PDB file of all heavy atoms in Angstrom:
ATOM      1  N   GLY A   1       3.103 -32.139  20.768  1.00  0.00           N
ATOM      2  CA  GLY A   1       4.378 -31.933  21.442  1.00  0.00           C
ATOM      3  C   GLY A   1       4.950 -33.162  22.106  1.00  0.00           C
ATOM      4  O   GLY A   1       6.037 -33.110  22.682  1.00  0.00           O
ATOM      5  N   ASP A   2       4.229 -34.272  22.027  1.00  0.00           N
ATOM      6  CA  ASP A   2       4.636 -35.473  22.750  1.00  0.00           C
ATOM      7  C   ASP A   2       4.777 -36.682  21.820  1.00  0.00           C
ATOM      8  O   ASP A   2       4.831 -37.807  22.275  1.00  0.00           O
ATOM      9  CB  ASP A   2       3.619 -35.774  23.852  1.00  0.00           C
ATOM     10  CG  ASP A   2       4.091 -36.841  24.827  1.00  0.00           C
ATOM     11  OD1 ASP A   2       5.281 -36.812  25.201  1.00  0.00           O
ATOM     12  OD2 ASP A   2       3.286 -37.714  25.194  1.00  0.00           O
ATOM     13  N   ARG A   3       4.815 -36.448  20.543  1.00  0.00           N
ATOM     14  CA  ARG A   3       4.873 -37.558  19.593  1.00  0.00           C
ATOM     15  C   ARG A   3       6.297 -38.077  19.433  1.00  0.00           C
ATOM     16  O   ARG A   3       7.256 -37.318  19.415  1.00  0.00           O
ATOM     17  CB  ARG A   3       4.344 -37.111  18.236  1.00  0.00           C
ATOM     18  CG  ARG A   3       2.848 -36.844  18.221  1.00  0.00           C
ATOM     19  CD  ARG A   3       2.391 -36.272  16.914  1.00  0.00           C
ATOM     20  NE  ARG A   3       0.944 -36.055  16.923  1.00  0.00           N
ATOM     21  CZ  ARG A   3       0.294 -35.348  16.021  1.00  0.00           C
ATOM     22  NH1 ARG A   3       0.955 -34.779  15.017  1.00  0.00           N
ATOM     23  NH2 ARG A   3      -1.014 -35.191  16.115  1.00  0.00           N
ATOM     24  N   PRO A   4       6.450 -39.400  19.284  1.00  0.00           N
ATOM     25  CA  PRO A   4       7.773 -39.925  18.951  1.00  0.00           C
ATOM     26  C   PRO A   4       8.188 -39.439  17.569  1.00  0.00           C
ATOM     27  O   PRO A   4       7.349 -39.133  16.723  1.00  0.00           O
ATOM     28  CB  PRO A   4       7.563 -41.444  18.981  1.00  0.00           C
ATOM     29  CG  PRO A   4       6.095 -41.641  18.748  1.00  0.00           C
ATOM     30  CD  PRO A   4       5.424 -40.451  19.356  1.00  0.00           C
ATOM     31  N   ARG A   5       9.481 -39.348  17.344  1.00  0.00           N
ATOM     32  CA  ARG A   5       9.971 -38.829  16.058  1.00  0.00           C
ATOM     33  C   ARG A   5      10.434 -39.964  15.158  1.00  0.00           C
ATOM     34  O   ARG A   5      11.005 -40.958  15.614  1.00  0.00           O
ATOM     35  CB  ARG A   5      11.109 -37.829  16.288  1.00  0.00           C
ATOM     36  CG  ARG A   5      12.412 -38.457  16.754  1.00  0.00           C
ATOM     37  CD  ARG A   5      13.521 -37.424  16.949  1.00  0.00           C
ATOM     38  NE  ARG A   5      14.790 -38.045  17.280  1.00  0.00           N
ATOM     39  CZ  ARG A   5      15.145 -38.402  18.500  1.00  0.00           C
ATOM     40  NH1 ARG A   5      14.331 -38.190  19.523  1.00  0.00           N
ATOM     41  NH2 ARG A   5      16.330 -38.970  18.702  1.00  0.00           N
ATOM     42  N   TRP A   6      10.172 -39.807  13.889  1.00  0.00           N
ATOM     43  CA  TRP A   6      10.568 -40.799  12.895  1.00  0.00           C
ATOM     44  C   TRP A   6      11.914 -40.407  12.312  1.00  0.00           C
ATOM     45  O   TRP A   6      12.087 -39.301  11.796  1.00  0.00           O
ATOM     46  CB  TRP A   6       9.532 -40.903  11.796  1.00  0.00           C
ATOM     47  CG  TRP A   6       9.931 -41.785  10.653  1.00  0.00           C
ATOM     48  CD1 TRP A   6      10.307 -41.394   9.402  1.00  0.00           C
ATOM     49  CD2 TRP A   6      10.014 -43.215  10.660  1.00  0.00           C
ATOM     50  NE1 TRP A   6      10.612 -42.479   8.625  1.00  0.00           N
ATOM     51  CE2 TRP A   6      10.446 -43.622   9.372  1.00  0.00           C
ATOM     52  CE3 TRP A   6       9.765 -44.187  11.628  1.00  0.00           C
ATOM     53  CZ2 TRP A   6      10.616 -44.954   9.040  1.00  0.00           C
ATOM     54  CZ3 TRP A   6       9.949 -45.516  11.291  1.00  0.00           C
ATOM     55  CH2 TRP A   6      10.363 -45.893  10.009  1.00  0.00           C
ATOM     56  N   GLU A   7      12.885 -41.316  12.387  1.00  0.00           N
ATOM     57  CA  GLU A   7      14.200 -41.099  11.798  1.00  0.00           C
ATOM     58  C   GLU A   7      14.295 -41.949  10.545  1.00  0.00           C
ATOM     59  O   GLU A   7      14.556 -43.153  10.607  1.00  0.00           O
ATOM     60  CB  GLU A   7      15.298 -41.464  12.801  1.00  0.00           C
ATOM     61  CG  GLU A   7      15.281 -40.592  14.053  1.00  0.00           C
ATOM     62  CD  GLU A   7      16.390 -40.943  15.040  1.00  0.00           C
ATOM     63  OE1 GLU A   7      17.104 -41.959  14.803  1.00  0.00           O
ATOM     64  OE2 GLU A   7      16.557 -40.212  16.035  1.00  0.00           O
ATOM     65  N   ALA A   8      14.054 -41.320   9.399  1.00  0.00           N
ATOM     66  CA  ALA A   8      13.958 -42.062   8.142  1.00  0.00           C
ATOM     67  C   ALA A   8      15.249 -42.783   7.797  1.00  0.00           C
ATOM     68  O   ALA A   8      15.226 -43.916   7.300  1.00  0.00           O
ATOM     69  CB  ALA A   8      13.550 -41.110   7.017  1.00  0.00           C
ATOM     70  N   GLY A   9      16.401 -42.135   8.054  1.00  0.00           N
ATOM     71  CA  GLY A   9      17.668 -42.747   7.684  1.00  0.00           C
ATOM     72  C   GLY A   9      17.940 -44.052   8.412  1.00  0.00           C
ATOM     73  O   GLY A   9      18.547 -44.963   7.847  1.00  0.00           O
ATOM     74  N   ARG A  10      17.478 -44.134   9.642  1.00  0.00           N
ATOM     75  CA  ARG A  10      17.713 -45.350  10.428  1.00  0.00           C
ATOM     76  C   ARG A  10      16.462 -46.224  10.527  1.00  0.00           C
ATOM     77  O   ARG A  10      16.469 -47.242  11.209  1.00  0.00           O
ATOM     78  CB  ARG A  10      18.212 -44.978  11.826  1.00  0.00           C
ATOM     79  CG  ARG A  10      19.503 -44.161  11.791  1.00  0.00           C
ATOM     80  CD  ARG A  10      20.077 -43.982  13.176  1.00  0.00           C
ATOM     81  NE  ARG A  10      20.540 -45.244  13.750  1.00  0.00           N
ATOM     82  CZ  ARG A  10      21.113 -45.348  14.949  1.00  0.00           C
ATOM     83  NH1 ARG A  10      21.286 -44.257  15.685  1.00  0.00           N
ATOM     84  NH2 ARG A  10      21.501 -46.520  15.410  1.00  0.00           N
ATOM     85  N   ARG A  11      15.406 -45.776   9.871  1.00  0.00           N
ATOM     86  CA  ARG A  11      14.140 -46.518   9.827  1.00  0.00           C
ATOM     87  C   ARG A  11      13.690 -46.910  11.236  1.00  0.00           C
ATOM     88  O   ARG A  11      13.415 -48.073  11.529  1.00  0.00           O
ATOM     89  CB  ARG A  11      14.272 -47.763   8.939  1.00  0.00           C
ATOM     90  CG  ARG A  11      14.570 -47.421   7.503  1.00  0.00           C
ATOM     91  CD  ARG A  11      14.503 -48.608   6.597  1.00  0.00           C
ATOM     92  NE  ARG A  11      15.420 -49.676   6.970  1.00  0.00           N
ATOM     93  CZ  ARG A  11      15.892 -50.605   6.143  1.00  0.00           C
ATOM     94  NH1 ARG A  11      15.526 -50.581   4.875  1.00  0.00           N
ATOM     95  NH2 ARG A  11      16.690 -51.542   6.571  1.00  0.00           N
ATOM     96  N   ARG A  12      13.572 -45.895  12.074  1.00  0.00           N
ATOM     97  CA  ARG A  12      13.161 -46.156  13.441  1.00  0.00           C
ATOM     98  C   ARG A  12      12.331 -45.006  13.992  1.00  0.00           C
ATOM     99  O   ARG A  12      12.406 -43.874  13.513  1.00  0.00           O
ATOM    100  CB  ARG A  12      14.368 -46.409  14.335  1.00  0.00           C
ATOM    101  CG  ARG A  12      15.254 -45.196  14.577  1.00  0.00           C
ATOM    102  CD  ARG A  12      16.424 -45.557  15.479  1.00  0.00           C
ATOM    103  NE  ARG A  12      17.153 -44.369  15.932  1.00  0.00           N
ATOM    104  CZ  ARG A  12      18.157 -44.383  16.801  1.00  0.00           C
ATOM    105  NH1 ARG A  12      18.573 -45.547  17.306  1.00  0.00           N
ATOM    106  NH2 ARG A  12      18.761 -43.264  17.170  1.00  0.00           N
ATOM    107  N   LEU A  13      11.547 -45.343  15.013  1.00  0.00           N
ATOM    108  CA  LEU A  13      10.694 -44.394  15.713  1.00  0.00           C
ATOM    109  C   LEU A  13      11.223 -44.282  17.139  1.00  0.00           C
ATOM    110  O   LEU A  13      11.393 -45.299  17.820  1.00  0.00           O
ATOM    111  CB  LEU A  13       9.252 -44.895  15.712  1.00  0.00           C
ATOM    112  CG  LEU A  13       8.156 -43.966  16.209  1.00  0.00           C
ATOM    113  CD1 LEU A  13       8.003 -42.752  15.293  1.00  0.00           C
ATOM    114  CD2 LEU A  13       6.827 -44.717  16.294  1.00  0.00           C
ATOM    115  N   VAL A  14      11.476 -43.034  17.589  1.00  0.00           N
ATOM    116  CA  VAL A  14      12.126 -42.825  18.881  1.00  0.00           C
ATOM    117  C   VAL A  14      11.220 -42.011  19.798  1.00  0.00           C
ATOM    118  O   VAL A  14      10.741 -40.939  19.421  1.00  0.00           O
ATOM    119  CB  VAL A  14      13.478 -42.108  18.705  1.00  0.00           C
ATOM    120  CG1 VAL A  14      14.170 -41.941  20.056  1.00  0.00           C
ATOM    121  CG2 VAL A  14      14.379 -42.884  17.744  1.00  0.00           C
ATOM    122  N   TRP A  15      11.001 -42.540  21.003  1.00  0.00           N
ATOM    123  CA  TRP A  15      10.233 -41.832  22.028  1.00  0.00           C
ATOM    124  C   TRP A  15      11.168 -41.008  22.902  1.00  0.00           C
ATOM    125  O   TRP A  15      12.383 -41.274  22.971  1.00  0.00           O
ATOM    126  CB  TRP A  15       9.476 -42.824  22.905  1.00  0.00           C
ATOM    127  CG  TRP A  15       8.221 -43.374  22.318  1.00  0.00           C
ATOM    128  CD1 TRP A  15       6.945 -42.981  22.579  1.00  0.00           C
ATOM    129  CD2 TRP A  15       8.108 -44.456  21.376  1.00  0.00           C
ATOM    130  NE1 TRP A  15       6.036 -43.727  21.861  1.00  0.00           N
ATOM    131  CE2 TRP A  15       6.735 -44.648  21.108  1.00  0.00           C
ATOM    132  CE3 TRP A  15       9.035 -45.272  20.721  1.00  0.00           C
ATOM    133  CZ2 TRP A  15       6.255 -45.613  20.243  1.00  0.00           C
ATOM    134  CZ3 TRP A  15       8.572 -46.232  19.853  1.00  0.00           C
ATOM    135  CH2 TRP A  15       7.205 -46.398  19.619  1.00  0.00           C
ATOM    136  N   ALA A  16      10.610 -40.035  23.607  1.00  0.00           N
ATOM    137  CA  ALA A  16      11.407 -39.153  24.460  1.00  0.00           C
ATOM    138  C   ALA A  16      12.088 -39.906  25.591  1.00  0.00           C
ATOM    139  O   ALA A  16      13.137 -39.465  26.096  1.00  0.00           O
ATOM    140  CB  ALA A  16      10.533 -38.028  25.021  1.00  0.00           C
ATOM    141  N   ASN A  17      11.527 -41.037  26.017  1.00  0.00           N
ATOM    142  CA  ASN A  17      12.113 -41.801  27.128  1.00  0.00           C
ATOM    143  C   ASN A  17      13.182 -42.791  26.676  1.00  0.00           C
ATOM    144  O   ASN A  17      13.660 -43.604  27.468  1.00  0.00           O
ATOM    145  CB  ASN A  17      11.017 -42.532  27.905  1.00  0.00           C
ATOM    146  CG  ASN A  17      10.349 -43.642  27.102  1.00  0.00           C
ATOM    147  OD1 ASN A  17      10.638 -43.833  25.914  1.00  0.00           O
ATOM    148  ND2 ASN A  17       9.437 -44.368  27.726  1.00  0.00           N
ATOM    149  N   GLY A  18      13.560 -42.724  25.403  1.00  0.00           N
ATOM    150  CA  GLY A  18      14.614 -43.593  24.895  1.00  0.00           C
ATOM    151  C   GLY A  18      14.139 -44.884  24.266  1.00  0.00           C
ATOM    152  O   GLY A  18      14.941 -45.629  23.681  1.00  0.00           O
ATOM    153  N   SER A  19      12.845 -45.191  24.354  1.00  0.00           N
ATOM    154  CA  SER A  19      12.327 -46.378  23.670  1.00  0.00           C
ATOM    155  C   SER A  19      12.408 -46.188  22.166  1.00  0.00           C
ATOM    156  O   SER A  19      12.186 -45.070  21.651  1.00  0.00           O
ATOM    157  CB  SER A  19      10.886 -46.649  24.100  1.00  0.00           C
ATOM    158  OG  SER A  19      10.827 -47.050  25.451  1.00  0.00           O
ATOM    159  N   THR A  20      12.686 -47.282  21.460  1.00  0.00           N
ATOM    160  CA  THR A  20      12.899 -47.208  20.020  1.00  0.00           C
ATOM    161  C   THR A  20      12.213 -48.374  19.327  1.00  0.00           C
ATOM    162  O   THR A  20      12.329 -49.522  19.767  1.00  0.00           O
ATOM    163  CB  THR A  20      14.406 -47.249  19.682  1.00  0.00           C
ATOM    164  OG1 THR A  20      15.082 -46.217  20.422  1.00  0.00           O
ATOM    165  CG2 THR A  20      14.637 -47.034  18.196  1.00  0.00           C
ATOM    166  N   ALA A  21      11.500 -48.058  18.251  1.00  0.00           N
ATOM    167  CA  ALA A  21      10.855 -49.095  17.433  1.00  0.00           C
ATOM    168  C   ALA A  21      11.485 -49.091  16.053  1.00  0.00           C
ATOM    169  O   ALA A  21      11.492 -48.052  15.376  1.00  0.00           O
ATOM    170  CB  ALA A  21       9.356 -48.842  17.345  1.00  0.00           C
ATOM    171  N   TYR A  22      11.999 -50.228  15.632  1.00  0.00           N
ATOM    172  CA  TYR A  22      12.662 -50.357  14.340  1.00  0.00           C
ATOM    173  C   TYR A  22      11.704 -50.976  13.314  1.00  0.00           C
ATOM    174  O   TYR A  22      10.957 -51.907  13.624  1.00  0.00           O
ATOM    175  CB  TYR A  22      13.919 -51.224  14.473  1.00  0.00           C
ATOM    176  CG  TYR A  22      15.010 -50.567  15.277  1.00  0.00           C
ATOM    177  CD1 TYR A  22      15.061 -50.712  16.658  1.00  0.00           C
ATOM    178  CD2 TYR A  22      15.972 -49.786  14.658  1.00  0.00           C
ATOM    179  CE1 TYR A  22      16.052 -50.101  17.414  1.00  0.00           C
ATOM    180  CE2 TYR A  22      16.978 -49.166  15.393  1.00  0.00           C
ATOM    181  CZ  TYR A  22      17.008 -49.331  16.774  1.00  0.00           C
ATOM    182  OH  TYR A  22      17.999 -48.701  17.516  1.00  0.00           O
ATOM    183  N   ALA A  23      11.753 -50.460  12.088  1.00  0.00           N
ATOM    184  CA  ALA A  23      10.880 -50.932  11.017  1.00  0.00           C
ATOM    185  C   ALA A  23      11.536 -52.078  10.256  1.00  0.00           C
ATOM    186  O   ALA A  23      12.719 -52.012   9.901  1.00  0.00           O
ATOM    187  CB  ALA A  23      10.559 -49.792  10.061  1.00  0.00           C
ATOM    188  N   PHE A  24      10.752 -53.131   9.988  1.00  0.00           N
ATOM    189  CA  PHE A  24      11.225 -54.282   9.224  1.00  0.00           C
ATOM    190  C   PHE A  24      10.183 -54.638   8.172  1.00  0.00           C
ATOM    191  O   PHE A  24       8.978 -54.525   8.400  1.00  0.00           O
ATOM    192  CB  PHE A  24      11.464 -55.484  10.132  1.00  0.00           C
ATOM    193  CG  PHE A  24      12.568 -55.297  11.127  1.00  0.00           C
ATOM    194  CD1 PHE A  24      12.301 -54.787  12.385  1.00  0.00           C
ATOM    195  CD2 PHE A  24      13.877 -55.629  10.801  1.00  0.00           C
ATOM    196  CE1 PHE A  24      13.315 -54.603  13.309  1.00  0.00           C
ATOM    197  CE2 PHE A  24      14.904 -55.454  11.721  1.00  0.00           C
ATOM    198  CZ  PHE A  24      14.618 -54.931  12.983  1.00  0.00           C
ATOM    199  N   SER A  25      10.681 -55.103   7.029  1.00  0.00           N
ATOM    200  CA  SER A  25       9.804 -55.550   5.958  1.00  0.00           C
ATOM    201  C   SER A  25       9.690 -57.069   5.974  1.00  0.00           C
ATOM    202  O   SER A  25      10.699 -57.779   6.084  1.00  0.00           O
ATOM    203  CB  SER A  25      10.347 -55.100   4.603  1.00  0.00           C
ATOM    204  OG  SER A  25       9.652 -55.737   3.547  1.00  0.00           O
ATOM    205  N   ALA A  26       8.467 -57.566   5.820  1.00  0.00           N
ATOM    206  CA  ALA A  26       8.264 -59.005   5.726  1.00  0.00           C
ATOM    207  C   ALA A  26       8.825 -59.569   4.428  1.00  0.00           C
ATOM    208  O   ALA A  26       8.902 -60.796   4.271  1.00  0.00           O
ATOM    209  CB  ALA A  26       6.780 -59.331   5.840  1.00  0.00           C
ATOM    210  N   GLU A  27       9.201 -58.701   3.505  1.00  0.00           N
ATOM    211  CA  GLU A  27       9.848 -59.155   2.273  1.00  0.00           C
ATOM    212  C   GLU A  27      11.260 -59.683   2.535  1.00  0.00           C
ATOM    213  O   GLU A  27      11.828 -60.369   1.690  1.00  0.00           O
ATOM    214  CB  GLU A  27       9.916 -57.994   1.266  1.00  0.00           C
ATOM    215  CG  GLU A  27       8.568 -57.477   0.804  1.00  0.00           C
ATOM    216  CD  GLU A  27       7.917 -58.417  -0.193  1.00  0.00           C
ATOM    217  OE1 GLU A  27       8.644 -59.200  -0.837  1.00  0.00           O
ATOM    218  OE2 GLU A  27       6.684 -58.384  -0.319  1.00  0.00           O
ATOM    219  N   ASP A  28      11.821 -59.340   3.695  1.00  0.00           N
ATOM    220  CA  ASP A  28      13.210 -59.706   3.984  1.00  0.00           C
ATOM    221  C   ASP A  28      13.293 -60.381   5.358  1.00  0.00           C
ATOM    222  O   ASP A  28      13.652 -59.756   6.351  1.00  0.00           O
ATOM    223  CB  ASP A  28      14.084 -58.444   3.957  1.00  0.00           C
ATOM    224  CG  ASP A  28      15.565 -58.757   4.148  1.00  0.00           C
ATOM    225  OD1 ASP A  28      15.936 -59.950   4.120  1.00  0.00           O
ATOM    226  OD2 ASP A  28      16.350 -57.802   4.337  1.00  0.00           O
ATOM    227  N   PRO A  29      12.951 -61.671   5.434  1.00  0.00           N
ATOM    228  CA  PRO A  29      12.968 -62.356   6.735  1.00  0.00           C
ATOM    229  C   PRO A  29      14.319 -62.306   7.437  1.00  0.00           C
ATOM    230  O   PRO A  29      14.385 -62.191   8.661  1.00  0.00           O
ATOM    231  CB  PRO A  29      12.586 -63.799   6.380  1.00  0.00           C
ATOM    232  CG  PRO A  29      11.864 -63.707   5.076  1.00  0.00           C
ATOM    233  CD  PRO A  29      12.503 -62.565   4.351  1.00  0.00           C
ATOM    234  N   ASP A  30      15.417 -62.352   6.663  1.00  0.00           N
ATOM    235  CA  ASP A  30      16.738 -62.392   7.276  1.00  0.00           C
ATOM    236  C   ASP A  30      17.136 -61.078   7.929  1.00  0.00           C
ATOM    237  O   ASP A  30      18.097 -61.036   8.713  1.00  0.00           O
ATOM    238  CB  ASP A  30      17.792 -62.790   6.238  1.00  0.00           C
ATOM    239  CG  ASP A  30      17.732 -64.270   5.896  1.00  0.00           C
ATOM    240  OD1 ASP A  30      17.191 -65.041   6.718  1.00  0.00           O
ATOM    241  OD2 ASP A  30      18.213 -64.659   4.817  1.00  0.00           O
ATOM    242  N   SER A  31      16.425 -59.997   7.635  1.00  0.00           N
ATOM    243  CA  SER A  31      16.742 -58.728   8.301  1.00  0.00           C
ATOM    244  C   SER A  31      16.441 -58.792   9.795  1.00  0.00           C
ATOM    245  O   SER A  31      16.937 -57.956  10.563  1.00  0.00           O
ATOM    246  CB  SER A  31      15.947 -57.581   7.661  1.00  0.00           C
ATOM    247  OG  SER A  31      14.551 -57.739   7.892  1.00  0.00           O
ATOM    248  N   LEU A  32      15.650 -59.788  10.207  1.00  0.00           N
ATOM    249  CA  LEU A  32      15.326 -59.952  11.620  1.00  0.00           C
ATOM    250  C   LEU A  32      16.325 -60.842  12.350  1.00  0.00           C
ATOM    251  O   LEU A  32      16.186 -61.078  13.549  1.00  0.00           O
ATOM    252  CB  LEU A  32      13.910 -60.533  11.766  1.00  0.00           C
ATOM    253  CG  LEU A  32      12.782 -59.537  11.462  1.00  0.00           C
ATOM    254  CD1 LEU A  32      11.497 -60.263  11.122  1.00  0.00           C
ATOM    255  CD2 LEU A  32      12.584 -58.607  12.654  1.00  0.00           C
ATOM    256  N   ARG A  33      17.316 -61.341  11.652  1.00  0.00           N
ATOM    257  CA  ARG A  33      18.368 -62.103  12.310  1.00  0.00           C
ATOM    258  C   ARG A  33      19.322 -61.132  12.998  1.00  0.00           C
ATOM    259  O   ARG A  33      19.783 -60.177  12.400  1.00  0.00           O
ATOM    260  CB  ARG A  33      19.152 -62.942  11.300  1.00  0.00           C
ATOM    261  CG  ARG A  33      18.365 -64.090  10.706  1.00  0.00           C
ATOM    262  CD  ARG A  33      19.229 -64.908   9.758  1.00  0.00           C
ATOM    263  NE  ARG A  33      18.517 -66.053   9.223  1.00  0.00           N
ATOM    264  CZ  ARG A  33      18.461 -67.246   9.819  1.00  0.00           C
ATOM    265  NH1 ARG A  33      19.106 -67.428  10.963  1.00  0.00           N
ATOM    266  NH2 ARG A  33      17.780 -68.237   9.277  1.00  0.00           N
TER     267      ARG A  33
END
């Protein structure tokens, strides 16, 4: 009941407190710009 949720469309993991982790591929260095 306390797990962050994965939003596949936005490629991110969201916690209940508003923290967000975004997924990036090392195949695309410029995506981190």
